[in-house]
Amino acid sequence: MDNKNESCKEINSTLFSAADTLRGKMDANEYKTYILSVIFYKFLSDKMLEQVADLLELDDGWSLSDVQNEYEEILNSENKDDFLKALKNKTHYVIEPELTYTKLVDNVNHNKFQREDLQKAFATIEQSDKIFVGMFKDVDLYSTRLGVNAQQQSNTIADLILKLNEAN
């Protein structure tokens, strides 16, 4: 029971921290859309990387970064097409290595993130299967509420990505 309470506290703290990133820029109904959309994208990306690990039969103890590296490697090999077909059969979607949540976090940490990266990632999911069509339509990554220019908007989204990355 203590583990469950600690997990709930951790999730609650992460969500409040993420909300603080957008609080003051927009009202709760708006920032809820951003937070939930990014959380869902993280979930899809992390689940896909878990399937990558499964397909590659990686040993226990791997991190998402480890799987990310293996994923990039396999997609640069001659087995790329067969691997992507198997992955799509398991997940119904495929996220390009440069658009996984893990890679977006890496880009944020290296000051390479631009909001267009997340926009492209959202579009990739929406186009991958009819069940995802319109999933992220309410998320405006170009909204002036995120910042007055492209860099400020990217910085706000980057902060949100880092805060939500703490959620497991």
Foldseek 3Di string as FASTA:
>chain_A
DVVVVVLVVLVVVLVVQLVVLQPPLDDPVQSVLVLVLLLVLLVLLVVLLVVLCVVVVPDPDDDSVNSLVVLVVCCPDPCNVVSVVVSCVVRLADFPSCQRLVNQLVCLVVVNFFVVSPVVRLVRQLPSDVVSPPVSVSDDLPDCSQPVDRVSSRVSSNSSSVSSVSRD
